[in-house]
Amino acid sequence: MFDLFLQGGSYQMSLLTVELICMLFAAWKAPAWVKEIGLLALVTGIFLQILGMYHAIGVIQQAGDISLSLLLGGFKVSFISIMYGMLIYGVSLVIRMLQKPKI
């Protein structure tokens, strides 16, 4: 698991982890913000994937001809941040469901 954290990039994954900590703190202090912070983590994950793909395309453009396996390895790594963002959003939905009053 820590290996995925390092592969995803320390800055990007740390940003998503800070959003996770903020969401858990909001579940305790400001329950109305839980879903919004989870959604922010999802959008951040999507943005970080697009940013990573942008940088990868720039490198590919400079390098010229690269192998397909190298390209697909880069795609695989770019999906780590969006998976983490989706996981945080899923946790926020579960917390939100548990906090709603019973009917």
PDB file of N, CA and C in Angstrom:
ATOM      1  N   MET A   1       0.818  -1.186   0.000  1.00  0.00           N
ATOM      2  CA  MET A   1       0.000   0.000   0.000  1.00  0.00           C
ATOM      3  C   MET A   1       0.870   1.262   0.000  1.00  0.00           C
ATOM      4  N   PHE A   2       1.917   1.244   0.820  1.00  0.00           N
ATOM      5  CA  PHE A   2       2.822   2.390   0.860  1.00  0.00           C
ATOM      6  C   PHE A   2       3.566   2.527  -0.461  1.00  0.00           C
ATOM      7  N   ASP A   3       3.760   1.392  -1.136  1.00  0.00           N
ATOM      8  CA  ASP A   3       4.403   1.407  -2.444  1.00  0.00           C
ATOM      9  C   ASP A   3       3.570   2.210  -3.450  1.00  0.00           C
ATOM     10  N   LEU A   4       2.247   2.014  -3.408  1.00  0.00           N
ATOM     11  CA  LEU A   4       1.358   2.790  -4.288  1.00  0.00           C
ATOM     12  C   LEU A   4       1.418   4.274  -3.954  1.00  0.00           C
ATOM     13  N   PHE A   5       1.525   4.576  -2.666  1.00  0.00           N
ATOM     14  CA  PHE A   5       1.617   5.978  -2.241  1.00  0.00           C
ATOM     15  C   PHE A   5       2.847   6.630  -2.851  1.00  0.00           C
ATOM     16  N   LEU A   6       3.973   5.935  -2.824  1.00  0.00           N
ATOM     17  CA  LEU A   6       5.204   6.488  -3.382  1.00  0.00           C
ATOM     18  C   LEU A   6       5.162   6.557  -4.903  1.00  0.00           C
ATOM     19  N   GLN A   7       4.556   5.554  -5.537  1.00  0.00           N
ATOM     20  CA  GLN A   7       4.464   5.567  -6.994  1.00  0.00           C
ATOM     21  C   GLN A   7       3.568   6.693  -7.484  1.00  0.00           C
ATOM     22  N   GLY A   8       2.523   7.012  -6.721  1.00  0.00           N
ATOM     23  CA  GLY A   8       1.594   8.059  -7.121  1.00  0.00           C
ATOM     24  C   GLY A   8       2.177   9.455  -7.030  1.00  0.00           C
ATOM     25  N   GLY A   9       3.302   9.600  -6.388  1.00  0.00           N
ATOM     26  CA  GLY A   9       3.926  10.912  -6.231  1.00  0.00           C
ATOM     27  C   GLY A   9       3.678  11.436  -4.830  1.00  0.00           C
ATOM     28  N   SER A  10       4.733  11.799  -4.141  1.00  0.00           N
ATOM     29  CA  SER A  10       4.591  12.187  -2.740  1.00  0.00           C
ATOM     30  C   SER A  10       3.760  13.458  -2.570  1.00  0.00           C
ATOM     31  N   TYR A  11       3.931  14.431  -3.468  1.00  0.00           N
ATOM     32  CA  TYR A  11       3.162  15.678  -3.343  1.00  0.00           C
ATOM     33  C   TYR A  11       1.677  15.428  -3.587  1.00  0.00           C
ATOM     34  N   GLN A  12       1.364  14.712  -4.656  1.00  0.00           N
ATOM     35  CA  GLN A  12      -0.029  14.481  -5.019  1.00  0.00           C
ATOM     36  C   GLN A  12      -0.745  13.639  -3.961  1.00  0.00           C
ATOM     37  N   MET A  13      -0.107  12.573  -3.548  1.00  0.00           N
ATOM     38  CA  MET A  13      -0.749  11.689  -2.582  1.00  0.00           C
ATOM     39  C   MET A  13      -0.829  12.347  -1.203  1.00  0.00           C
ATOM     40  N   SER A  14       0.143  13.193  -0.870  1.00  0.00           N
ATOM     41  CA  SER A  14       0.073  13.919   0.398  1.00  0.00           C
ATOM     42  C   SER A  14      -1.083  14.900   0.396  1.00  0.00           C
ATOM     43  N   LEU A  15      -1.319  15.541  -0.737  1.00  0.00           N
ATOM     44  CA  LEU A  15      -2.449  16.459  -0.848  1.00  0.00           C
ATOM     45  C   LEU A  15      -3.773  15.718  -0.641  1.00  0.00           C
ATOM     46  N   LEU A  16      -3.902  14.554  -1.251  1.00  0.00           N
ATOM     47  CA  LEU A  16      -5.117  13.764  -1.062  1.00  0.00           C
ATOM     48  C   LEU A  16      -5.231  13.253   0.372  1.00  0.00           C
ATOM     49  N   THR A  17      -4.116  12.925   1.004  1.00  0.00           N
ATOM     50  CA  THR A  17      -4.145  12.469   2.394  1.00  0.00           C
ATOM     51  C   THR A  17      -4.560  13.602   3.330  1.00  0.00           C
ATOM     52  N   VAL A  18      -4.120  14.811   3.049  1.00  0.00           N
ATOM     53  CA  VAL A  18      -4.558  15.964   3.846  1.00  0.00           C
ATOM     54  C   VAL A  18      -6.063  16.153   3.704  1.00  0.00           C
ATOM     55  N   GLU A  19      -6.586  15.962   2.495  1.00  0.00           N
ATOM     56  CA  GLU A  19      -8.031  16.058   2.304  1.00  0.00           C
ATOM     57  C   GLU A  19      -8.760  14.954   3.061  1.00  0.00           C
ATOM     58  N   LEU A  20      -8.183  13.760   3.124  1.00  0.00           N
ATOM     59  CA  LEU A  20      -8.773  12.668   3.901  1.00  0.00           C
ATOM     60  C   LEU A  20      -8.807  13.016   5.381  1.00  0.00           C
ATOM     61  N   ILE A  21      -7.718  13.570   5.890  1.00  0.00           N
ATOM     62  CA  ILE A  21      -7.665  13.950   7.307  1.00  0.00           C
ATOM     63  C   ILE A  21      -8.667  15.057   7.590  1.00  0.00           C
ATOM     64  N   CYS A  22      -8.780  16.021   6.687  1.00  0.00           N
ATOM     65  CA  CYS A  22      -9.767  17.100   6.858  1.00  0.00           C
ATOM     66  C   CYS A  22     -11.188  16.540   6.857  1.00  0.00           C
ATOM     67  N   MET A  23     -11.434  15.546   6.000  1.00  0.00           N
ATOM     68  CA  MET A  23     -12.765  14.948   5.953  1.00  0.00           C
ATOM     69  C   MET A  23     -13.080  14.212   7.256  1.00  0.00           C
ATOM     70  N   LEU A  24     -12.110  13.488   7.788  1.00  0.00           N
ATOM     71  CA  LEU A  24     -12.340  12.783   9.052  1.00  0.00           C
ATOM     72  C   LEU A  24     -12.531  13.766  10.201  1.00  0.00           C
ATOM     73  N   PHE A  25     -11.799  14.876  10.180  1.00  0.00           N
ATOM     74  CA  PHE A  25     -11.999  15.908  11.186  1.00  0.00           C
ATOM     75  C   PHE A  25     -13.373  16.555  11.033  1.00  0.00           C
ATOM     76  N   ALA A  26     -13.798  16.766   9.786  1.00  0.00           N
ATOM     77  CA  ALA A  26     -15.118  17.358   9.545  1.00  0.00           C
ATOM     78  C   ALA A  26     -16.234  16.415   9.979  1.00  0.00           C
ATOM     79  N   ALA A  27     -16.010  15.119   9.905  1.00  0.00           N
ATOM     80  CA  ALA A  27     -17.026  14.169  10.359  1.00  0.00           C
ATOM     81  C   ALA A  27     -17.283  14.330  11.852  1.00  0.00           C
ATOM     82  N   TRP A  28     -16.288  14.802  12.557  1.00  0.00           N
ATOM     83  CA  TRP A  28     -16.413  14.996  13.992  1.00  0.00           C
ATOM     84  C   TRP A  28     -16.940  16.388  14.326  1.00  0.00           C
ATOM     85  N   LYS A  29     -16.444  17.430  13.627  1.00  0.00           N
ATOM     86  CA  LYS A  29     -16.784  18.808  13.970  1.00  0.00           C
ATOM     87  C   LYS A  29     -17.857  19.433  13.074  1.00  0.00           C
ATOM     88  N   ALA A  30     -17.827  19.161  11.771  1.00  0.00           N
ATOM     89  CA  ALA A  30     -18.760  19.792  10.826  1.00  0.00           C
ATOM     90  C   ALA A  30     -19.294  18.739   9.862  1.00  0.00           C
ATOM     91  N   PRO A  31     -20.267  17.933  10.305  1.00  0.00           N
ATOM     92  CA  PRO A  31     -20.742  16.810   9.493  1.00  0.00           C
ATOM     93  C   PRO A  31     -21.313  17.200   8.133  1.00  0.00           C
ATOM     94  N   ALA A  32     -21.783  18.420   7.988  1.00  0.00           N
ATOM     95  CA  ALA A  32     -22.357  18.833   6.704  1.00  0.00           C
ATOM     96  C   ALA A  32     -21.288  18.956   5.614  1.00  0.00           C
ATOM     97  N   TRP A  33     -20.029  19.044   5.990  1.00  0.00           N
ATOM     98  CA  TRP A  33     -18.954  19.237   5.022  1.00  0.00           C
ATOM     99  C   TRP A  33     -18.316  17.933   4.555  1.00  0.00           C
ATOM    100  N   VAL A  34     -18.718  16.812   5.112  1.00  0.00           N
ATOM    101  CA  VAL A  34     -18.058  15.538   4.819  1.00  0.00           C
ATOM    102  C   VAL A  34     -18.150  15.186   3.343  1.00  0.00           C
ATOM    103  N   LYS A  35     -19.353  15.248   2.803  1.00  0.00           N
ATOM    104  CA  LYS A  35     -19.542  14.874   1.404  1.00  0.00           C
ATOM    105  C   LYS A  35     -18.822  15.847   0.474  1.00  0.00           C
ATOM    106  N   GLU A  36     -18.828  17.128   0.804  1.00  0.00           N
ATOM    107  CA  GLU A  36     -18.172  18.117  -0.041  1.00  0.00           C
ATOM    108  C   GLU A  36     -16.656  17.937  -0.058  1.00  0.00           C
ATOM    109  N   ILE A  37     -16.079  17.615   1.083  1.00  0.00           N
ATOM    110  CA  ILE A  37     -14.634  17.381   1.124  1.00  0.00           C
ATOM    111  C   ILE A  37     -14.294  16.103   0.366  1.00  0.00           C
ATOM    112  N   GLY A  38     -15.149  15.088   0.475  1.00  0.00           N
ATOM    113  CA  GLY A  38     -14.939  13.873  -0.302  1.00  0.00           C
ATOM    114  C   GLY A  38     -15.014  14.135  -1.796  1.00  0.00           C
ATOM    115  N   LEU A  39     -15.953  14.969  -2.202  1.00  0.00           N
ATOM    116  CA  LEU A  39     -16.065  15.335  -3.612  1.00  0.00           C
ATOM    117  C   LEU A  39     -14.854  16.141  -4.062  1.00  0.00           C
ATOM    118  N   LEU A  40     -14.347  16.994  -3.188  1.00  0.00           N
ATOM    119  CA  LEU A  40     -13.127  17.739  -3.496  1.00  0.00           C
ATOM    120  C   LEU A  40     -11.951  16.785  -3.715  1.00  0.00           C
ATOM    121  N   ALA A  41     -11.876  15.734  -2.916  1.00  0.00           N
ATOM    122  CA  ALA A  41     -10.808  14.741  -3.089  1.00  0.00           C
ATOM    123  C   ALA A  41     -10.947  14.023  -4.430  1.00  0.00           C
ATOM    124  N   LEU A  42     -12.169  13.723  -4.834  1.00  0.00           N
ATOM    125  CA  LEU A  42     -12.389  13.078  -6.126  1.00  0.00           C
ATOM    126  C   LEU A  42     -11.958  13.995  -7.267  1.00  0.00           C
ATOM    127  N   VAL A  43     -12.355  15.256  -7.207  1.00  0.00           N
ATOM    128  CA  VAL A  43     -11.984  16.217  -8.245  1.00  0.00           C
ATOM    129  C   VAL A  43     -10.470  16.436  -8.243  1.00  0.00           C
ATOM    130  N   THR A  44      -9.860  16.473  -7.069  1.00  0.00           N
ATOM    131  CA  THR A  44      -8.412  16.619  -6.989  1.00  0.00           C
ATOM    132  C   THR A  44      -7.711  15.429  -7.628  1.00  0.00           C
ATOM    133  N   GLY A  45      -8.219  14.226  -7.386  1.00  0.00           N
ATOM    134  CA  GLY A  45      -7.638  13.038  -8.000  1.00  0.00           C
ATOM    135  C   GLY A  45      -7.736  13.066  -9.511  1.00  0.00           C
ATOM    136  N   ILE A  46      -8.881  13.504 -10.036  1.00  0.00           N
ATOM    137  CA  ILE A  46      -9.048  13.615 -11.488  1.00  0.00           C
ATOM    138  C   ILE A  46      -8.103  14.667 -12.055  1.00  0.00           C
ATOM    139  N   PHE A  47      -8.006  15.810 -11.372  1.00  0.00           N
ATOM    140  CA  PHE A  47      -7.112  16.866 -11.833  1.00  0.00           C
ATOM    141  C   PHE A  47      -5.658  16.404 -11.824  1.00  0.00           C
ATOM    142  N   LEU A  48      -5.263  15.699 -10.775  1.00  0.00           N
ATOM    143  CA  LEU A  48      -3.883  15.231 -10.693  1.00  0.00           C
ATOM    144  C   LEU A  48      -3.571  14.205 -11.778  1.00  0.00           C
ATOM    145  N   GLN A  49      -4.569  13.383 -12.137  1.00  0.00           N
ATOM    146  CA  GLN A  49      -4.347  12.443 -13.225  1.00  0.00           C
ATOM    147  C   GLN A  49      -4.166  13.185 -14.543  1.00  0.00           C
ATOM    148  N   ILE A  50      -5.005  14.170 -14.797  1.00  0.00           N
ATOM    149  CA  ILE A  50      -4.879  14.948 -16.033  1.00  0.00           C
ATOM    150  C   ILE A  50      -3.542  15.682 -16.069  1.00  0.00           C
ATOM    151  N   LEU A  51      -3.128  16.224 -14.937  1.00  0.00           N
ATOM    152  CA  LEU A  51      -1.840  16.912 -14.863  1.00  0.00           C
ATOM    153  C   LEU A  51      -0.683  15.947 -15.133  1.00  0.00           C
ATOM    154  N   GLY A  52      -0.753  14.763 -14.567  1.00  0.00           N
ATOM    155  CA  GLY A  52       0.276  13.763 -14.810  1.00  0.00           C
ATOM    156  C   GLY A  52       0.323  13.326 -16.259  1.00  0.00           C
ATOM    157  N   MET A  53      -0.842  13.172 -16.878  1.00  0.00           N
ATOM    158  CA  MET A  53      -0.884  12.794 -18.294  1.00  0.00           C
ATOM    159  C   MET A  53      -0.320  13.913 -19.164  1.00  0.00           C
ATOM    160  N   TYR A  54      -0.590  15.145 -18.793  1.00  0.00           N
ATOM    161  CA  TYR A  54      -0.058  16.289 -19.540  1.00  0.00           C
ATOM    162  C   TYR A  54       1.473  16.280 -19.520  1.00  0.00           C
ATOM    163  N   HIS A  55       2.023  16.063 -18.330  1.00  0.00           N
ATOM    164  CA  HIS A  55       3.486  16.012 -18.223  1.00  0.00           C
ATOM    165  C   HIS A  55       4.047  14.811 -18.985  1.00  0.00           C
ATOM    166  N   ALA A  56       3.359  13.678 -18.911  1.00  0.00           N
ATOM    167  CA  ALA A  56       3.836  12.483 -19.613  1.00  0.00           C
ATOM    168  C   ALA A  56       3.810  12.685 -21.125  1.00  0.00           C
ATOM    169  N   ILE A  57       2.787  13.338 -21.627  1.00  0.00           N
ATOM    170  CA  ILE A  57       2.707  13.592 -23.071  1.00  0.00           C
ATOM    171  C   ILE A  57       3.830  14.540 -23.503  1.00  0.00           C
ATOM    172  N   GLY A  58       4.161  15.502 -22.654  1.00  0.00           N
ATOM    173  CA  GLY A  58       5.286  16.391 -22.962  1.00  0.00           C
ATOM    174  C   GLY A  58       6.605  15.646 -23.046  1.00  0.00           C
ATOM    175  N   VAL A  59       6.803  14.716 -22.137  1.00  0.00           N
ATOM    176  CA  VAL A  59       8.030  13.919 -22.152  1.00  0.00           C
ATOM    177  C   VAL A  59       8.059  13.012 -23.372  1.00  0.00           C
ATOM    178  N   ILE A  60       6.925  12.418 -23.707  1.00  0.00           N
ATOM    179  CA  ILE A  60       6.845  11.557 -24.888  1.00  0.00           C
ATOM    180  C   ILE A  60       7.135  12.358 -26.150  1.00  0.00           C
ATOM    181  N   GLN A  61       6.635  13.563 -26.201  1.00  0.00           N
ATOM    182  CA  GLN A  61       6.869  14.418 -27.359  1.00  0.00           C
ATOM    183  C   GLN A  61       8.363  14.727 -27.520  1.00  0.00           C
ATOM    184  N   GLN A  62       9.049  14.966 -26.411  1.00  0.00           N
ATOM    185  CA  GLN A  62      10.481  15.243 -26.480  1.00  0.00           C
ATOM    186  C   GLN A  62      11.299  14.000 -26.805  1.00  0.00           C
ATOM    187  N   ALA A  63      10.878  12.851 -26.250  1.00  0.00           N
ATOM    188  CA  ALA A  63      11.655  11.625 -26.444  1.00  0.00           C
ATOM    189  C   ALA A  63      11.487  11.056 -27.839  1.00  0.00           C
ATOM    190  N   GLY A  64      10.355  11.288 -28.437  1.00  0.00           N
ATOM    191  CA  GLY A  64      10.112  10.734 -29.768  1.00  0.00           C
ATOM    192  C   GLY A  64       9.474   9.364 -29.675  1.00  0.00           C
ATOM    193  N   ASP A  65      10.150   8.345 -30.160  1.00  0.00           N
ATOM    194  CA  ASP A  65       9.612   6.995 -30.217  1.00  0.00           C
ATOM    195  C   ASP A  65       9.863   6.271 -28.895  1.00  0.00           C
ATOM    196  N   ILE A  66       8.779   5.780 -28.246  1.00  0.00           N
ATOM    197  CA  ILE A  66       8.910   5.014 -27.012  1.00  0.00           C
ATOM    198  C   ILE A  66       8.132   3.721 -27.163  1.00  0.00           C
ATOM    199  N   SER A  67       8.419   2.763 -26.292  1.00  0.00           N
ATOM    200  CA  SER A  67       7.735   1.476 -26.380  1.00  0.00           C
ATOM    201  C   SER A  67       6.338   1.567 -25.777  1.00  0.00           C
ATOM    202  N   LEU A  68       5.487   0.675 -26.227  1.00  0.00           N
ATOM    203  CA  LEU A  68       4.110   0.646 -25.751  1.00  0.00           C
ATOM    204  C   LEU A  68       4.040   0.238 -24.280  1.00  0.00           C
ATOM    205  N   SER A  69       4.898  -0.670 -23.850  1.00  0.00           N
ATOM    206  CA  SER A  69       4.871  -1.100 -22.450  1.00  0.00           C
ATOM    207  C   SER A  69       5.261   0.043 -21.513  1.00  0.00           C
ATOM    208  N   LEU A  70       6.186   0.888 -21.924  1.00  0.00           N
ATOM    209  CA  LEU A  70       6.555   2.049 -21.124  1.00  0.00           C
ATOM    210  C   LEU A  70       5.390   3.035 -21.031  1.00  0.00           C
ATOM    211  N   LEU A  71       4.701   3.230 -22.128  1.00  0.00           N
ATOM    212  CA  LEU A  71       3.547   4.124 -22.161  1.00  0.00           C
ATOM    213  C   LEU A  71       2.424   3.611 -21.264  1.00  0.00           C
ATOM    214  N   LEU A  72       2.142   2.317 -21.335  1.00  0.00           N
ATOM    215  CA  LEU A  72       1.081   1.749 -20.499  1.00  0.00           C
ATOM    216  C   LEU A  72       1.463   1.734 -19.025  1.00  0.00           C
ATOM    217  N   GLY A  73       2.745   1.594 -18.726  1.00  0.00           N
ATOM    218  CA  GLY A  73       3.193   1.708 -17.342  1.00  0.00           C
ATOM    219  C   GLY A  73       2.935   3.099 -16.782  1.00  0.00           C
ATOM    220  N   GLY A  74       3.132   4.115 -17.607  1.00  0.00           N
ATOM    221  CA  GLY A  74       2.828   5.481 -17.188  1.00  0.00           C
ATOM    222  C   GLY A  74       1.339   5.704 -16.980  1.00  0.00           C
ATOM    223  N   PHE A  75       0.522   5.106 -17.850  1.00  0.00           N
ATOM    224  CA  PHE A  75      -0.931   5.196 -17.669  1.00  0.00           C
ATOM    225  C   PHE A  75      -1.354   4.541 -16.359  1.00  0.00           C
ATOM    226  N   LYS A  76      -0.738   3.406 -16.050  1.00  0.00           N
ATOM    227  CA  LYS A  76      -1.081   2.692 -14.823  1.00  0.00           C
ATOM    228  C   LYS A  76      -0.765   3.542 -13.599  1.00  0.00           C
ATOM    229  N   VAL A  77       0.373   4.192 -13.606  1.00  0.00           N
ATOM    230  CA  VAL A  77       0.759   5.034 -12.473  1.00  0.00           C
ATOM    231  C   VAL A  77      -0.154   6.255 -12.368  1.00  0.00           C
ATOM    232  N   SER A  78      -0.613   6.768 -13.512  1.00  0.00           N
ATOM    233  CA  SER A  78      -1.461   7.964 -13.473  1.00  0.00           C
ATOM    234  C   SER A  78      -2.820   7.689 -12.846  1.00  0.00           C
ATOM    235  N   PHE A  79      -3.244   6.431 -12.823  1.00  0.00           N
ATOM    236  CA  PHE A  79      -4.544   6.092 -12.248  1.00  0.00           C
ATOM    237  C   PHE A  79      -4.513   5.968 -10.727  1.00  0.00           C
ATOM    238  N   ILE A  80      -3.334   5.979 -10.113  1.00  0.00           N
ATOM    239  CA  ILE A  80      -3.247   5.810  -8.663  1.00  0.00           C
ATOM    240  C   ILE A  80      -3.930   6.963  -7.934  1.00  0.00           C
ATOM    241  N   SER A  81      -3.703   8.183  -8.372  1.00  0.00           N
ATOM    242  CA  SER A  81      -4.291   9.339  -7.677  1.00  0.00           C
ATOM    243  C   SER A  81      -5.808   9.361  -7.803  1.00  0.00           C
ATOM    244  N   ILE A  82      -6.332   8.976  -8.960  1.00  0.00           N
ATOM    245  CA  ILE A  82      -7.786   8.984  -9.104  1.00  0.00           C
ATOM    246  C   ILE A  82      -8.418   7.853  -8.296  1.00  0.00           C
ATOM    247  N   MET A  83      -7.734   6.726  -8.167  1.00  0.00           N
ATOM    248  CA  MET A  83      -8.266   5.642  -7.335  1.00  0.00           C
ATOM    249  C   MET A  83      -8.303   6.061  -5.872  1.00  0.00           C
ATOM    250  N   TYR A  84      -7.274   6.755  -5.425  1.00  0.00           N
ATOM    251  CA  TYR A  84      -7.234   7.232  -4.034  1.00  0.00           C
ATOM    252  C   TYR A  84      -8.322   8.274  -3.802  1.00  0.00           C
ATOM    253  N   GLY A  85      -8.518   9.176  -4.762  1.00  0.00           N
ATOM    254  CA  GLY A  85      -9.591  10.157  -4.643  1.00  0.00           C
ATOM    255  C   GLY A  85     -10.961   9.507  -4.611  1.00  0.00           C
ATOM    256  N   MET A  86     -11.164   8.475  -5.427  1.00  0.00           N
ATOM    257  CA  MET A  86     -12.441   7.765  -5.422  1.00  0.00           C
ATOM    258  C   MET A  86     -12.661   7.019  -4.109  1.00  0.00           C
ATOM    259  N   LEU A  87     -11.592   6.475  -3.549  1.00  0.00           N
ATOM    260  CA  LEU A  87     -11.685   5.799  -2.259  1.00  0.00           C
ATOM    261  C   LEU A  87     -12.083   6.789  -1.165  1.00  0.00           C
ATOM    262  N   ILE A  88     -11.481   7.963  -1.169  1.00  0.00           N
ATOM    263  CA  ILE A  88     -11.825   8.987  -0.176  1.00  0.00           C
ATOM    264  C   ILE A  88     -13.278   9.418  -0.347  1.00  0.00           C
ATOM    265  N   TYR A  89     -13.719   9.583  -1.599  1.00  0.00           N
ATOM    266  CA  TYR A  89     -15.113   9.969  -1.828  1.00  0.00           C
ATOM    267  C   TYR A  89     -16.064   8.878  -1.352  1.00  0.00           C
ATOM    268  N   GLY A  90     -15.715   7.623  -1.582  1.00  0.00           N
ATOM    269  CA  GLY A  90     -16.547   6.518  -1.101  1.00  0.00           C
ATOM    270  C   GLY A  90     -16.641   6.499   0.410  1.00  0.00           C
ATOM    271  N   VAL A  91     -15.529   6.749   1.084  1.00  0.00           N
ATOM    272  CA  VAL A  91     -15.538   6.808   2.547  1.00  0.00           C
ATOM    273  C   VAL A  91     -16.409   7.971   3.020  1.00  0.00           C
ATOM    274  N   SER A  92     -16.361   9.094   2.311  1.00  0.00           N
ATOM    275  CA  SER A  92     -17.186  10.235   2.708  1.00  0.00           C
ATOM    276  C   SER A  92     -18.671   9.919   2.570  1.00  0.00           C
ATOM    277  N   LEU A  93     -19.037   9.160   1.539  1.00  0.00           N
ATOM    278  CA  LEU A  93     -20.444   8.779   1.382  1.00  0.00           C
ATOM    279  C   LEU A  93     -20.888   7.831   2.492  1.00  0.00           C
ATOM    280  N   VAL A  94     -20.014   6.912   2.873  1.00  0.00           N
ATOM    281  CA  VAL A  94     -20.353   5.985   3.960  1.00  0.00           C
ATOM    282  C   VAL A  94     -20.505   6.743   5.271  1.00  0.00           C
ATOM    283  N   ILE A  95     -19.588   7.657   5.553  1.00  0.00           N
ATOM    284  CA  ILE A  95     -19.686   8.463   6.778  1.00  0.00           C
ATOM    285  C   ILE A  95     -20.969   9.277   6.762  1.00  0.00           C
ATOM    286  N   ARG A  96     -21.282   9.856   5.613  1.00  0.00           N
ATOM    287  CA  ARG A  96     -22.496  10.677   5.496  1.00  0.00           C
ATOM    288  C   ARG A  96     -23.752   9.840   5.736  1.00  0.00           C
ATOM    289  N   MET A  97     -23.763   8.599   5.209  1.00  0.00           N
ATOM    290  CA  MET A  97     -24.920   7.733   5.425  1.00  0.00           C
ATOM    291  C   MET A  97     -25.057   7.340   6.894  1.00  0.00           C
ATOM    292  N   LEU A  98     -23.939   7.103   7.551  1.00  0.00           N
ATOM    293  CA  LEU A  98     -23.989   6.738   8.968  1.00  0.00           C
ATOM    294  C   LEU A  98     -24.410   7.908   9.865  1.00  0.00           C
ATOM    295  N   GLN A  99     -24.141   9.126   9.418  1.00  0.00           N
ATOM    296  CA  GLN A  99     -24.488  10.296  10.223  1.00  0.00           C
ATOM    297  C   GLN A  99     -25.939  10.730  10.054  1.00  0.00           C
ATOM    298  N   LYS A 100     -26.583  10.311   8.976  1.00  0.00           N
ATOM    299  CA  LYS A 100     -27.974  10.732   8.766  1.00  0.00           C
ATOM    300  C   LYS A 100     -28.861  10.117   9.830  1.00  0.00           C
ATOM    301  N   PRO A 101     -29.847  10.876  10.271  1.00  0.00           N
ATOM    302  CA  PRO A 101     -30.738  10.326  11.292  1.00  0.00           C
ATOM    303  C   PRO A 101     -31.599   9.194  10.717  1.00  0.00           C
ATOM    304  N   LYS A 102     -31.907   8.258  11.554  1.00  0.00           N
ATOM    305  CA  LYS A 102     -32.743   7.121  11.149  1.00  0.00           C
ATOM    306  C   LYS A 102     -34.177   7.585  10.970  1.00  0.00           C
ATOM    307  N   ILE A 103     -34.865   6.993  10.019  1.00  0.00           N
ATOM    308  CA  ILE A 103     -36.266   7.377   9.762  1.00  0.00           C
ATOM    309  C   ILE A 103     -37.186   6.653  10.717  1.00  0.00           C
TER     310      ILE A 103
END
